[in-house]
């Protein structure tokens, strides 16, 4: 016999089952787009049930992925983006560039024994008023004296501060990513000491970058179209011995 306080099997079967909502089917694909600084290229795709909740999140991609390079020469450079808006009609996620960083493995390979490493972090301001934090890293072939290291720190700060003041934020980031800025820094400190390696190991944007240029190598401007109309004939040359035309009388 079944105890009186135990629920019967008939009552259990009579209870209606709860409807389970499939969260996976309610998710929608969104394309993640880079800002105009990187030509608005697609960074990837993501699924979301509440698109507004993606705003403020950050993501990382390598420079080789963004630039479309087939080799892995820039795989150690990580670009950081922050989601700033979602277009529900086109299912596109807009982002803003907030900085870059070199991988820890790459940095460890630079700093070896019996070498001096100069690691800095300071604020700079671009020509268009964008505040940034730059973190240069310099490595020498041999160990340096403390006085020389101090002079190199001051020179690195001066050269990068001046380079930022002479460039817009877009130009500064472009030269940073393609290696031109490192060449400028190397030339600026060469008179003090020829360093073995100089890198900008990280950067951080403290304010948004105006959409005024591209950080990637821009294609060459197209050549002007060639006109298909024939050129006007040149005037015939006077024959030998022909007197010159008379001059008009002065007024």
Protein backbone atom coordinates (compact mmCIF):
# COMPACT_ATOMS: atom_id res chain seq x y z
CA UNK A 1 0.00 0.00 0.00
CA UNK A 2 1.10 3.57 -0.74
CA UNK A 3 1.53 5.78 2.37
CA UNK A 4 -1.12 8.48 2.63
CA UNK A 5 1.43 11.31 2.68
CA UNK A 6 3.28 10.23 -0.49
CA UNK A 7 2.18 11.91 -3.75
CA UNK A 8 0.54 9.58 -6.17
CA UNK A 9 1.93 8.95 -9.64
CA UNK A 10 -1.36 10.06 -11.18
CA UNK A 11 -1.00 13.56 -9.68
CA UNK A 12 2.53 13.86 -11.02
CA UNK A 13 1.43 12.96 -14.53
CA UNK A 14 -1.42 15.41 -14.36
CA UNK A 15 0.89 18.42 -13.85
CA UNK A 16 1.53 20.19 -17.16
CA UNK A 17 5.19 20.51 -18.20
CA UNK A 18 6.91 23.89 -18.39
CA UNK A 19 7.77 25.29 -21.81
CA UNK A 20 11.55 25.70 -22.20
CA UNK A 21 12.64 28.71 -24.27
CA UNK A 22 15.44 27.98 -26.73
CA UNK A 23 17.93 30.82 -26.14
CA UNK A 24 20.12 29.74 -29.03
CA UNK A 25 17.37 30.35 -31.59
CA UNK A 26 16.74 33.83 -30.22
CA UNK A 27 20.35 34.92 -30.85
CA UNK A 28 21.21 37.02 -33.90
CA UNK A 29 24.48 37.32 -35.81
CA UNK A 30 26.15 40.75 -35.83
CA UNK A 31 29.14 41.84 -37.90
CA UNK A 32 31.86 43.72 -36.01
CA UNK A 33 33.21 46.63 -38.05
CA UNK A 34 36.49 48.49 -37.47
CA UNK A 35 36.43 52.31 -37.39
CA UNK A 36 37.34 54.43 -40.39
CA UNK A 37 40.88 54.57 -39.06
CA UNK A 38 41.15 50.97 -40.35
CA UNK A 39 39.02 51.50 -43.47
CA UNK A 40 35.90 50.10 -41.77
CA UNK A 41 36.91 46.50 -42.44
CA UNK A 42 35.13 43.56 -40.80
CA UNK A 43 36.79 42.31 -37.62
CA UNK A 44 34.57 39.28 -37.12
CA UNK A 45 31.06 38.20 -36.15
CA UNK A 46 29.30 37.58 -32.86
CA UNK A 47 26.00 36.20 -31.57
CA UNK A 48 23.83 38.19 -29.20
CA UNK A 49 20.34 38.03 -27.72
CA UNK A 50 20.50 41.54 -26.26
CA UNK A 51 22.59 43.69 -28.65
CA UNK A 52 22.58 46.72 -26.35
CA UNK A 53 24.54 44.69 -23.80
CA UNK A 54 27.52 44.50 -26.16
CA UNK A 55 28.25 48.23 -25.90
CA UNK A 56 31.37 48.81 -23.83
CA UNK A 57 32.92 45.41 -24.43
CA UNK A 58 36.46 45.16 -25.82
CA UNK A 59 38.01 42.80 -28.34
CA UNK A 60 41.53 42.09 -29.62
CA UNK A 61 42.75 41.21 -33.11
CA UNK A 62 46.26 41.03 -34.52
CA UNK A 63 47.64 43.57 -36.95
CA UNK A 64 48.22 40.85 -39.55
CA UNK A 65 44.49 40.03 -39.50
CA UNK A 66 43.43 43.65 -39.88
CA UNK A 67 45.92 44.52 -42.61
CA UNK A 68 45.19 41.31 -44.53
CA UNK A 69 48.84 40.25 -44.58
CA UNK A 70 49.45 36.61 -45.49
CA UNK A 71 52.60 36.27 -43.35
CA UNK A 72 52.80 36.39 -39.58
CA UNK A 73 55.30 39.26 -39.40
CA UNK A 74 52.79 41.41 -37.47
CA UNK A 75 51.12 38.66 -35.47
CA UNK A 76 52.83 39.89 -32.28
CA UNK A 77 50.99 43.24 -32.50
CA UNK A 78 47.56 43.13 -30.85
CA UNK A 79 45.01 45.86 -31.59
CA UNK A 80 42.31 46.65 -29.05
CA UNK A 81 38.85 47.93 -29.94
CA UNK A 82 35.81 48.91 -27.86
CA UNK A 83 32.21 48.48 -29.03
CA UNK A 84 30.50 51.88 -29.06
CA UNK A 85 27.24 51.23 -30.92
CA UNK A 86 24.94 48.64 -32.50
CA UNK A 87 22.89 49.10 -35.66
CA UNK A 88 19.84 46.86 -35.26
CA UNK A 89 18.68 47.35 -38.85
CA UNK A 90 21.91 46.29 -40.59
CA UNK A 91 23.13 44.01 -37.75
CA UNK A 92 26.47 45.85 -37.61
CA UNK A 93 28.50 46.57 -34.48
CA UNK A 94 30.55 49.80 -34.53
CA UNK A 95 33.89 49.97 -32.69
CA UNK A 96 36.53 52.50 -31.64
CA UNK A 97 40.30 51.95 -31.57
CA UNK A 98 41.58 52.23 -27.99
CA UNK A 99 45.20 51.09 -28.24
CA UNK A 100 47.67 48.37 -29.08
CA UNK A 101 50.01 46.01 -27.24
CA UNK A 102 52.86 43.65 -28.11
CA UNK A 103 52.63 40.05 -26.97
CA UNK A 104 54.52 39.10 -23.82
CA UNK A 105 56.46 36.38 -25.65
CA UNK A 106 57.84 38.91 -28.13
CA UNK A 107 58.93 41.27 -25.34
CA UNK A 108 60.66 38.48 -23.43
CA UNK A 109 62.71 37.61 -26.49
CA UNK A 110 63.98 41.19 -26.69
CA UNK A 111 65.19 41.51 -23.08
CA UNK A 112 67.98 39.00 -22.52
CA UNK A 113 70.80 38.74 -20.03
CA UNK A 114 73.65 41.27 -20.07
CA UNK A 115 71.46 43.83 -21.80
CA UNK A 116 69.99 47.06 -20.51
CA UNK A 117 66.27 47.63 -20.94
CA UNK A 118 64.64 51.06 -20.85
CA UNK A 119 60.89 50.90 -20.26
CA UNK A 120 58.83 54.10 -20.21
CA UNK A 121 55.20 55.22 -20.01
CA UNK A 122 54.04 58.83 -20.44
CA UNK A 123 51.29 61.02 -21.92
CA UNK A 124 51.47 62.75 -25.29
CA UNK A 125 49.07 65.01 -27.18
CA UNK A 126 48.56 64.92 -30.94
CA UNK A 127 48.21 67.92 -33.24
CA UNK A 128 44.40 67.52 -33.26
CA UNK A 129 44.20 67.35 -29.45
CA UNK A 130 43.91 63.60 -28.82
CA UNK A 131 45.42 62.48 -25.51
CA UNK A 132 47.40 59.22 -25.64
CA UNK A 133 49.62 57.09 -23.45
CA UNK A 134 52.68 55.66 -25.19
CA UNK A 135 54.99 53.02 -23.73
CA UNK A 136 58.31 52.77 -25.57
CA UNK A 137 60.80 49.97 -24.94
CA UNK A 138 64.50 50.24 -25.82
CA UNK A 139 67.12 47.51 -25.52
CA UNK A 140 70.89 47.93 -25.79
CA UNK A 141 73.47 45.39 -26.85
CA UNK A 142 75.44 45.77 -23.60
CA UNK A 143 74.73 47.04 -20.13
CA UNK A 144 74.62 50.82 -19.82
CA UNK A 145 75.60 53.15 -17.01
CA UNK A 146 72.84 54.78 -15.01
CA UNK A 147 73.66 58.27 -16.32
CA UNK A 148 73.44 57.17 -19.95
CA UNK A 149 70.15 55.36 -19.29
CA UNK A 150 68.74 58.55 -17.80
CA UNK A 151 69.80 60.60 -20.84
CA UNK A 152 68.22 58.05 -23.16
CA UNK A 153 64.95 58.17 -21.21
CA UNK A 154 64.82 61.94 -21.56
CA UNK A 155 65.60 61.79 -25.28
CA UNK A 156 62.96 59.11 -25.92
CA UNK A 157 60.38 61.25 -24.16
CA UNK A 158 61.34 64.37 -26.10
CA UNK A 159 61.33 62.68 -29.52
CA UNK A 160 57.97 60.96 -29.05
CA UNK A 161 56.34 64.06 -27.56
CA UNK A 162 57.48 66.15 -30.53
CA UNK A 163 56.40 63.46 -33.00
CA UNK A 164 52.89 63.47 -31.53
CA UNK A 165 52.66 67.27 -31.68
CA UNK A 166 53.61 67.26 -35.36
CA UNK A 167 51.02 64.62 -36.35
CA UNK A 168 47.30 64.10 -36.06
CA UNK A 169 46.17 61.08 -34.05
CA UNK A 170 45.45 59.12 -37.23
CA UNK A 171 48.89 59.90 -38.64
CA UNK A 172 50.55 59.03 -35.35
CA UNK A 173 48.84 55.63 -35.18
CA UNK A 174 49.60 54.95 -38.84
CA UNK A 175 53.32 55.65 -38.35
CA UNK A 176 53.29 53.64 -35.14
CA UNK A 177 51.85 50.53 -36.78
CA UNK A 178 53.86 50.59 -40.01
CA UNK A 179 57.20 51.16 -38.23
CA UNK A 180 57.94 54.71 -39.39
CA UNK A 181 57.66 56.11 -35.88
CA UNK A 182 60.28 53.68 -34.57
CA UNK A 183 62.68 54.91 -37.26
CA UNK A 184 62.11 58.51 -36.16
CA UNK A 185 62.85 57.59 -32.55
CA UNK A 186 65.97 55.62 -33.52
CA UNK A 187 67.35 58.60 -35.43
CA UNK A 188 66.62 60.90 -32.51
CA UNK A 189 68.58 58.85 -29.95
CA UNK A 190 71.37 57.67 -32.25
CA UNK A 191 73.61 60.59 -31.31
CA UNK A 192 73.56 59.46 -27.68
CA UNK A 193 73.88 55.71 -28.16
CA UNK A 194 73.01 53.28 -30.99
CA UNK A 195 70.39 51.09 -29.36
CA UNK A 196 69.94 47.54 -30.57
CA UNK A 197 66.11 47.55 -30.60
CA UNK A 198 63.37 50.12 -30.10
CA UNK A 199 59.69 49.21 -29.91
CA UNK A 200 56.49 50.92 -28.90
CA UNK A 201 55.22 48.07 -26.78
CA UNK A 202 51.82 49.58 -25.99
CA UNK A 203 49.59 52.60 -26.49
CA UNK A 204 46.29 53.76 -25.07
CA UNK A 205 43.84 56.29 -26.47
CA UNK A 206 42.43 58.50 -23.72
CA UNK A 207 40.01 60.28 -26.07
CA UNK A 208 38.31 59.31 -29.36
CA UNK A 209 40.27 59.68 -32.60
CA UNK A 210 38.61 61.87 -35.28
CA UNK A 211 37.80 59.97 -38.46
CA UNK A 212 40.21 61.90 -40.68
CA UNK A 213 42.51 59.24 -42.11
CA UNK A 214 43.49 55.60 -42.29
CA UNK A 215 46.07 53.80 -40.15
CA UNK A 216 46.66 51.30 -42.93
CA UNK A 217 48.75 51.95 -45.99
CA UNK A 218 46.47 53.91 -48.29
CA UNK A 219 46.51 52.99 -51.99
CA UNK A 220 48.22 55.31 -54.42
CA UNK A 221 45.91 57.97 -55.89
CA UNK A 222 44.63 57.12 -59.38
CA UNK A 223 46.31 58.76 -62.32
CA UNK A 224 44.30 61.46 -64.15
CA UNK A 225 42.37 60.08 -67.13
CA UNK A 226 43.92 60.53 -70.54
CA UNK A 227 41.73 62.58 -72.87
CA UNK A 228 40.68 60.81 -76.07
CA UNK A 229 40.28 64.09 -77.99
CA UNK A 230 43.16 64.94 -80.33
CA UNK A 231 45.42 67.77 -79.28
CA UNK A 232 44.97 71.07 -81.20
CA UNK A 233 47.47 71.49 -84.06
CA UNK A 234 50.42 73.73 -83.38
CA UNK A 235 50.76 76.91 -85.53
CA UNK A 236 52.97 76.48 -88.61
CA UNK A 237 56.52 77.77 -88.40
CA UNK A 238 57.39 80.73 -90.70
CA UNK A 239 59.44 79.89 -93.74
CA UNK A 240 63.01 81.05 -94.01
CA UNK A 241 63.31 84.61 -95.32
CA UNK A 242 59.73 85.58 -94.45
CA UNK A 243 59.65 89.06 -92.84
CA UNK A 244 58.04 89.29 -89.43
CA UNK A 245 54.47 90.63 -89.21
CA UNK A 246 54.17 94.37 -88.65
CA UNK A 247 53.70 95.49 -85.05
CA UNK A 248 50.50 97.27 -84.08
CA UNK A 249 50.90 101.00 -83.41
CA UNK A 250 51.03 101.98 -79.79
CA UNK A 251 47.90 103.55 -78.40
